[in-house]
Amino acid sequence: MNQTETLNASISWKCKHTWRRASVNT
């Protein structure tokens, strides 16, 4: 995997994780 793909995967995971936490908190 190149740097851009790694960065995109990290952002995607972070967004999902944040969304799931927000769902639980709501």
C-alpha atoms as a PDB file:
ATOM      1  CA  MET A   1       0.000   0.000   0.000  1.00  0.00           C
ATOM      2  CA  ASN A   2       1.285   3.473  -0.787  1.00  0.00           C
ATOM      3  CA  GLN A   3       1.194   6.460   1.538  1.00  0.00           C
ATOM      4  CA  THR A   4      -2.018   7.918   0.076  1.00  0.00           C
ATOM      5  CA  GLU A   5      -3.912   4.641   0.435  1.00  0.00           C
ATOM      6  CA  THR A   6      -2.700   4.264   4.005  1.00  0.00           C
ATOM      7  CA  LEU A   7      -3.781   7.802   4.822  1.00  0.00           C
ATOM      8  CA  ASN A   8      -7.209   7.310   3.231  1.00  0.00           C
ATOM      9  CA  ALA A   9      -7.702   4.059   5.145  1.00  0.00           C
ATOM     10  CA  SER A  10      -6.765   5.802   8.389  1.00  0.00           C
ATOM     11  CA  ILE A  11      -9.206   8.643   7.731  1.00  0.00           C
ATOM     12  CA  SER A  12     -11.949   6.206   6.730  1.00  0.00           C
ATOM     13  CA  TRP A  13     -11.441   4.185   9.920  1.00  0.00           C
ATOM     14  CA  LYS A  14     -11.385   7.323  12.048  1.00  0.00           C
ATOM     15  CA  CYS A  15     -14.635   8.568  10.486  1.00  0.00           C
ATOM     16  CA  LYS A  16     -16.347   5.211  11.063  1.00  0.00           C
ATOM     17  CA  HIS A  17     -15.060   5.021  14.630  1.00  0.00           C
ATOM     18  CA  THR A  18     -16.206   8.569  15.390  1.00  0.00           C
ATOM     19  CA  TRP A  19     -19.625   7.915  13.848  1.00  0.00           C
ATOM     20  CA  ARG A  20     -20.063   4.719  15.858  1.00  0.00           C
ATOM     21  CA  ARG A  21     -19.098   6.499  19.078  1.00  0.00           C
ATOM     22  CA  ALA A  22     -21.548   9.282  18.279  1.00  0.00           C
ATOM     23  CA  SER A  23     -24.292   6.708  17.673  1.00  0.00           C
ATOM     24  CA  VAL A  24     -23.636   5.074  21.036  1.00  0.00           C
ATOM     25  CA  ASN A  25     -23.576   8.421  22.814  1.00  0.00           C
ATOM     26  CA  THR A  26     -26.856   9.548  21.307  1.00  0.00           C
END
